[in-house]
Protein backbone atom coordinates (compact mmCIF):
# COMPACT_ATOMS: atom_id res chain seq x y z
CA MET A 1 -57.83 -11.91 0.67
CA ASP A 2 -55.95 -12.05 4.00
CA LYS A 3 -53.62 -14.52 2.76
CA HIS A 4 -52.84 -12.88 -0.56
CA PHE A 5 -52.04 -9.22 1.10
CA SER A 6 -49.75 -11.51 3.60
CA PHE A 7 -47.90 -13.41 0.79
CA PHE A 8 -47.86 -10.50 -1.27
CA MET A 9 -46.31 -8.37 1.77
CA LEU A 10 -43.88 -11.33 2.34
CA LEU A 11 -42.67 -11.20 -1.19
CA ILE A 12 -41.89 -7.50 -1.56
CA THR A 13 -40.10 -7.66 2.02
CA PHE A 14 -38.08 -10.55 0.49
CA LEU A 15 -37.53 -8.40 -2.65
CA GLY A 16 -36.49 -5.49 -0.54
CA ILE A 17 -33.87 -7.40 1.61
CA THR A 18 -32.39 -9.15 -1.63
CA LEU A 19 -31.83 -5.79 -3.46
CA VAL A 20 -30.09 -3.91 -0.20
CA SER A 21 -27.83 -7.03 0.52
CA CYS A 22 -27.05 -7.24 -3.38
CA ASN A 23 -26.59 -2.93 -3.20
CA GLU A 24 -23.91 -3.01 -0.87
CA ASN A 25 -22.62 0.17 0.11
CA TYR A 26 -18.73 0.17 0.53
CA GLY A 27 -18.72 3.61 1.44
CA GLU A 28 -16.34 6.48 -0.44
CA TYR A 29 -12.92 6.18 -1.59
CA ILE A 30 -10.50 7.23 0.85
CA ARG A 31 -6.76 7.89 0.09
CA PRO A 32 -4.48 6.51 2.95
CA GLN A 33 -2.20 9.45 4.86
CA TYR A 34 1.14 8.19 5.31
CA GLY A 35 3.94 9.21 7.67
CA SER A 36 7.70 8.78 7.34
CA ILE A 37 9.49 5.84 6.52
CA THR A 38 10.84 3.88 9.34
CA CYS A 39 14.17 1.27 8.84
CA THR A 40 14.86 -1.41 11.59
CA PRO A 41 17.40 -1.78 12.46
CA SER A 42 19.22 1.49 12.41
CA PRO A 43 21.91 1.73 11.63
CA VAL A 44 22.26 -0.91 9.04
CA ILE A 45 25.86 -3.07 8.17
CA ALA A 46 25.80 -5.04 5.20
CA GLY A 47 24.14 -8.53 5.35
CA ASP A 48 21.42 -7.12 7.61
CA SER A 49 17.91 -8.28 7.11
CA VAL A 50 16.21 -4.49 6.96
CA GLU A 51 12.52 -3.93 7.14
CA LEU A 52 11.23 -0.52 5.87
CA VAL A 53 7.99 0.27 7.02
CA VAL A 54 5.46 3.40 6.14
CA PRO A 55 3.17 3.77 9.12
CA GLN A 56 -0.44 5.19 8.02
CA LYS A 57 -1.76 8.30 9.34
CA SER A 58 -5.16 7.40 8.48
CA LEU A 59 -6.69 4.56 6.76
CA GLY A 60 -7.80 4.25 3.15
CA ASN A 61 -10.93 2.84 1.67
CA GLY A 62 -12.00 1.52 -1.75
CA ILE A 63 -8.45 0.55 -2.92
CA ALA A 64 -7.72 -2.94 -4.81
CA ALA A 65 -4.46 -3.81 -6.21
CA THR A 66 -1.56 -1.81 -5.05
CA THR A 67 1.74 -1.58 -5.94
CA TYR A 68 4.28 -0.24 -3.98
CA THR A 69 7.66 0.70 -5.34
CA TRP A 70 10.86 1.46 -3.08
CA VAL A 71 13.55 3.67 -4.15
CA ILE A 72 16.84 3.84 -2.11
CA LYS A 73 18.76 6.70 -3.38
CA ASP A 74 22.43 6.45 -4.36
CA ILE A 75 23.02 2.95 -2.94
CA GLY A 76 25.09 1.50 -5.42
CA TRP A 77 27.70 2.33 -7.92
CA ASP A 78 27.41 1.64 -11.81
CA GLU A 79 31.19 0.83 -12.88
CA GLU A 80 30.30 1.24 -16.38
CA THR A 81 28.83 5.00 -15.96
CA ASN A 82 31.61 5.50 -12.94
CA ALA A 83 27.95 6.53 -11.24
CA SER A 84 25.85 6.27 -8.00
CA LYS A 85 22.91 4.68 -9.04
CA ASP A 86 19.72 3.59 -6.82
CA SER A 87 18.34 0.64 -5.75
CA VAL A 88 14.49 -0.15 -6.72
CA ILE A 89 12.07 -3.07 -5.13
CA THR A 90 8.51 -3.19 -6.44
CA VAL A 91 5.82 -4.91 -4.08
CA GLU A 92 2.67 -5.83 -5.13
CA ASP A 93 -0.39 -6.25 -2.56
CA ASN A 94 -4.28 -5.79 -2.42
CA TYR A 95 -4.69 -2.68 0.08
CA ASP A 96 -8.30 -3.70 1.13
CA GLY A 97 -8.06 -7.24 0.79
CA LEU A 98 -5.32 -7.46 3.24
CA GLY A 99 -6.58 -5.63 6.05
CA LYS A 100 -5.36 -2.29 4.90
CA ARG A 101 -1.90 -2.99 6.40
CA ASP A 102 0.95 -0.76 6.48
CA PRO A 103 3.70 -0.90 3.26
CA CYS A 104 6.48 -2.84 4.34
CA VAL A 105 9.09 -4.38 2.50
CA LYS A 106 12.03 -6.87 3.89
CA PHE A 107 15.57 -7.74 2.09
CA LEU A 108 19.14 -8.51 2.90
CA VAL A 109 21.41 -5.45 2.69
CA PRO A 110 23.92 -6.65 -0.17
CA ALA A 111 27.85 -6.03 1.36
CA ASN A 112 28.60 -3.66 -1.99
CA TRP A 113 26.18 -1.24 -0.92
CA VAL A 114 27.47 2.33 -0.28
CA LYS A 115 28.15 3.36 3.27
CA GLY A 116 25.88 6.83 4.00
CA ASN A 117 22.87 8.46 4.66
CA HIS A 118 20.71 7.35 2.07
CA ALA A 119 17.07 8.84 0.95
CA VAL A 120 14.19 6.29 0.46
CA THR A 121 11.00 7.08 -1.22
CA MET A 122 8.06 4.81 -1.42
CA THR A 123 5.37 5.34 -4.23
CA ALA A 124 2.02 3.85 -3.36
CA THR A 125 0.32 3.33 -7.18
CA PHE A 126 -3.42 2.28 -6.56
CA SER A 127 -6.19 0.77 -8.37
CA VAL A 128 -9.73 2.49 -7.02
CA TYR A 129 -12.98 0.28 -7.11
CA ILE A 130 -15.17 3.27 -5.38
CA GLY A 131 -16.67 6.46 -7.09
CA ASN A 132 -15.03 8.32 -10.31
CA THR A 133 -11.48 7.87 -9.61
CA LEU A 134 -9.90 4.82 -11.04
CA PHE A 135 -6.01 4.99 -10.10
CA ASP A 136 -4.29 7.01 -7.56
CA LYS A 137 -0.61 7.61 -6.21
CA VAL A 138 0.70 8.54 -3.09
CA SER A 139 4.31 8.86 -1.74
CA ALA A 140 6.40 8.89 1.62
CA ASN A 141 10.06 9.40 2.36
CA GLY A 142 12.68 8.45 5.04
CA ARG A 143 16.22 7.72 5.38
CA MET A 144 18.43 4.41 5.65
CA VAL A 145 21.85 4.79 7.28
CA ILE A 146 24.46 1.95 6.09
CA GLU A 147 27.48 1.96 8.41
């Protein structure tokens, strides 16, 4: 009877460990909080390689696919409409899968971009895998000076 009881307890323990390991606790969904966009170098000169970064005030959790959309306002000139135009840069990322890193984008500044102080907005659209939220969105703002 002791052998059967020991085997039964071993089986129960094994099943308990298996169930716990299959039901990992990922915590809860947390939206990251962002600071202001930084631009390096600043000011920027046409032809420079530029990096825009949004430092996080607090990290998020439960975020998979992420799209960062960067909009630099009134940076170009549309000859057809004779009006200023924005530049839009889109970056696809995996927030949790890539270490919850700060959003960033690097690019070369074209020679035809308009000099001046330009507003920059980064909008992050998240695909969430924890809880009842499926998608979420948050934005950050900053400035980019071109000389």
